[in-house]
């Protein structure tokens, strides 16, 4: 090879150094990590809206009846036969009856809607809110909670 000739794999225009590949890869991984961190932060913000904060929000809105219903329904052992009989099996069934955050939010919204509709004299809308919750709990297989709305 001639001393002045460029090797196709060397030089500024003919080569792709491993550093440039790592740079793109590093940028991609950094963007991916930032997206994951943002997702985790969003989940944390959503988890902060737990049962307690949802309950307090109903009281602040002036919906004590919705609060009482929400409190009863959000208890893991509400309506279970073991709790009614006073057995110690309540702890085992509580993990099966825990409500997801989405269900708690839906429950709060529907109970507030039902309470507001009842006070406004719009009983059909109140019944519709109860019907939606009964169907939701039936789909989840929580018939003890579904019965509350029928």
Protein backbone atom coordinates (compact mmCIF):
# COMPACT_ATOMS: atom_id res chain seq x y z
CA UNK A 1 0.00 0.00 0.00
CA UNK A 2 1.24 3.48 -0.79
CA UNK A 3 2.08 5.75 2.11
CA UNK A 4 -0.27 8.53 0.85
CA UNK A 5 -3.23 6.25 0.16
CA UNK A 6 -6.08 6.05 2.61
CA UNK A 7 -7.05 2.79 4.08
CA UNK A 8 -10.82 2.38 3.62
CA UNK A 9 -11.20 1.57 7.28
CA UNK A 10 -9.11 4.45 8.59
CA UNK A 11 -9.23 8.19 8.54
CA UNK A 12 -11.97 10.67 9.38
CA UNK A 13 -14.28 9.96 6.46
CA UNK A 14 -13.80 6.27 5.99
CA UNK A 15 -14.20 4.98 9.50
CA UNK A 16 -16.89 4.61 12.03
CA UNK A 17 -15.22 4.52 15.33
CA UNK A 18 -16.68 2.45 18.12
CA UNK A 19 -17.07 5.68 20.09
CA UNK A 20 -19.73 6.99 17.68
CA UNK A 21 -21.70 3.75 18.01
CA UNK A 22 -21.49 3.91 21.78
CA UNK A 23 -22.57 7.54 21.74
CA UNK A 24 -25.80 6.72 19.92
CA UNK A 25 -26.31 3.70 22.14
CA UNK A 26 -25.62 5.77 25.24
CA UNK A 27 -28.04 8.46 24.08
CA UNK A 28 -30.68 5.83 23.40
CA UNK A 29 -30.18 4.22 26.81
CA UNK A 30 -30.27 7.62 28.51
CA UNK A 31 -33.53 8.50 26.76
CA UNK A 32 -34.95 5.12 27.69
CA UNK A 33 -33.89 5.53 31.32
CA UNK A 34 -35.41 9.03 31.47
CA UNK A 35 -38.67 7.70 30.06
CA UNK A 36 -38.73 4.91 32.64
CA UNK A 37 -38.04 7.39 35.44
CA UNK A 38 -40.85 9.64 34.20
CA UNK A 39 -43.17 6.64 34.12
CA UNK A 40 -42.22 5.68 37.67
CA UNK A 41 -42.85 9.25 38.84
CA UNK A 42 -46.28 9.21 37.20
CA UNK A 43 -47.14 5.96 38.94
CA UNK A 44 -45.97 7.42 42.26
CA UNK A 45 -48.18 10.46 41.79
CA UNK A 46 -51.12 8.20 41.03
CA UNK A 47 -50.43 5.94 44.02
CA UNK A 48 -50.50 8.95 46.32
CA UNK A 49 -54.18 9.11 45.61
CA UNK A 50 -54.90 6.22 47.90
CA UNK A 51 -58.01 5.25 49.79
CA UNK A 52 -57.43 7.83 52.52
CA UNK A 53 -57.04 10.81 50.19
CA UNK A 54 -60.08 9.73 48.17
CA UNK A 55 -62.10 9.49 51.39
CA UNK A 56 -60.99 12.92 52.56
CA UNK A 57 -61.85 14.40 49.17
CA UNK A 58 -65.45 13.19 49.54
CA UNK A 59 -65.72 14.80 52.95
CA UNK A 60 -64.28 18.05 51.64
CA UNK A 61 -66.85 18.00 48.81
CA UNK A 62 -69.60 17.68 51.40
CA UNK A 63 -70.59 14.10 50.56
CA UNK A 64 -70.77 12.30 53.94
CA UNK A 65 -73.07 9.53 52.67
CA UNK A 66 -70.71 8.80 49.79
CA UNK A 67 -67.86 8.76 52.30
CA UNK A 68 -69.61 6.20 54.52
CA UNK A 69 -70.44 3.95 51.55
CA UNK A 70 -66.90 4.29 50.20
CA UNK A 71 -65.41 3.45 53.58
CA UNK A 72 -67.56 0.32 53.94
CA UNK A 73 -66.98 -0.90 50.39
CA UNK A 74 -63.25 -0.22 50.37
CA UNK A 75 -62.66 -2.38 53.43
CA UNK A 76 -61.15 -5.71 52.36
CA UNK A 77 -63.45 -7.78 54.55
CA UNK A 78 -66.74 -6.00 53.75
CA UNK A 79 -69.50 -8.47 52.98
CA UNK A 80 -67.39 -11.59 53.25
CA UNK A 81 -68.98 -14.56 54.95
CA UNK A 82 -65.88 -15.09 57.10
CA UNK A 83 -66.12 -11.55 58.49
CA UNK A 84 -69.82 -11.97 59.20
CA UNK A 85 -69.20 -15.23 61.05
CA UNK A 86 -66.24 -13.77 62.93
CA UNK A 87 -63.70 -16.28 61.61
CA UNK A 88 -59.98 -15.66 61.36
CA UNK A 89 -60.08 -16.35 57.62
CA UNK A 90 -60.59 -12.63 57.01
CA UNK A 91 -56.85 -12.07 56.62
CA UNK A 92 -56.63 -14.67 53.86
CA UNK A 93 -59.57 -13.25 51.94
CA UNK A 94 -58.41 -9.64 52.32
CA UNK A 95 -55.68 -10.06 49.72
CA UNK A 96 -58.28 -11.37 47.28
CA UNK A 97 -60.70 -8.49 47.98
CA UNK A 98 -58.24 -5.59 47.86
CA UNK A 99 -59.46 -3.01 45.39
CA UNK A 100 -57.15 -1.56 42.78
CA UNK A 101 -56.54 2.16 42.64
CA UNK A 102 -58.58 2.38 39.44
CA UNK A 103 -61.52 0.67 41.11
CA UNK A 104 -61.25 2.96 44.14
CA UNK A 105 -61.27 6.05 41.92
CA UNK A 106 -64.25 4.72 39.95
CA UNK A 107 -66.05 3.89 43.19
CA UNK A 108 -65.47 7.38 44.54
CA UNK A 109 -66.65 9.05 41.33
CA UNK A 110 -69.81 6.94 41.12
CA UNK A 111 -70.70 7.36 44.80
CA UNK A 112 -70.29 11.14 44.56
CA UNK A 113 -72.34 11.15 41.35
CA UNK A 114 -75.06 9.08 42.99
CA UNK A 115 -75.14 11.29 46.09
CA UNK A 116 -75.26 14.51 44.08
CA UNK A 117 -77.98 13.13 41.81
CA UNK A 118 -80.09 11.96 44.74
CA UNK A 119 -79.87 15.35 46.41
CA UNK A 120 -80.82 17.05 43.14
CA UNK A 121 -83.84 14.77 42.73
CA UNK A 122 -82.40 13.01 39.68
CA UNK A 123 -83.01 9.50 40.92
CA UNK A 124 -82.56 7.82 37.53
CA UNK A 125 -78.98 9.10 37.33
CA UNK A 126 -78.32 7.95 40.90
CA UNK A 127 -79.63 4.49 40.05
CA UNK A 128 -77.49 4.47 36.91
CA UNK A 129 -74.35 5.15 39.00
CA UNK A 130 -75.28 2.27 41.31
CA UNK A 131 -75.99 0.01 38.33
CA UNK A 132 -72.55 0.76 36.85
CA UNK A 133 -70.81 -0.08 40.10
CA UNK A 134 -72.82 -3.29 40.51
CA UNK A 135 -71.77 -4.38 37.03
CA UNK A 136 -68.16 -3.44 37.69
CA UNK A 137 -67.96 -5.49 40.89
CA UNK A 138 -69.78 -8.37 39.22
CA UNK A 139 -67.17 -8.39 36.44
CA UNK A 140 -64.43 -8.44 39.07
CA UNK A 141 -66.13 -11.40 40.75
CA UNK A 142 -66.76 -9.44 43.95
CA UNK A 143 -70.38 -10.37 44.34
CA UNK A 144 -70.44 -9.38 48.01
CA UNK A 145 -69.70 -5.79 46.97
CA UNK A 146 -71.95 -5.97 43.92
CA UNK A 147 -74.96 -6.87 46.08
CA UNK A 148 -74.55 -3.54 47.90
CA UNK A 149 -75.65 -1.69 44.74
CA UNK A 150 -78.61 -3.87 43.75
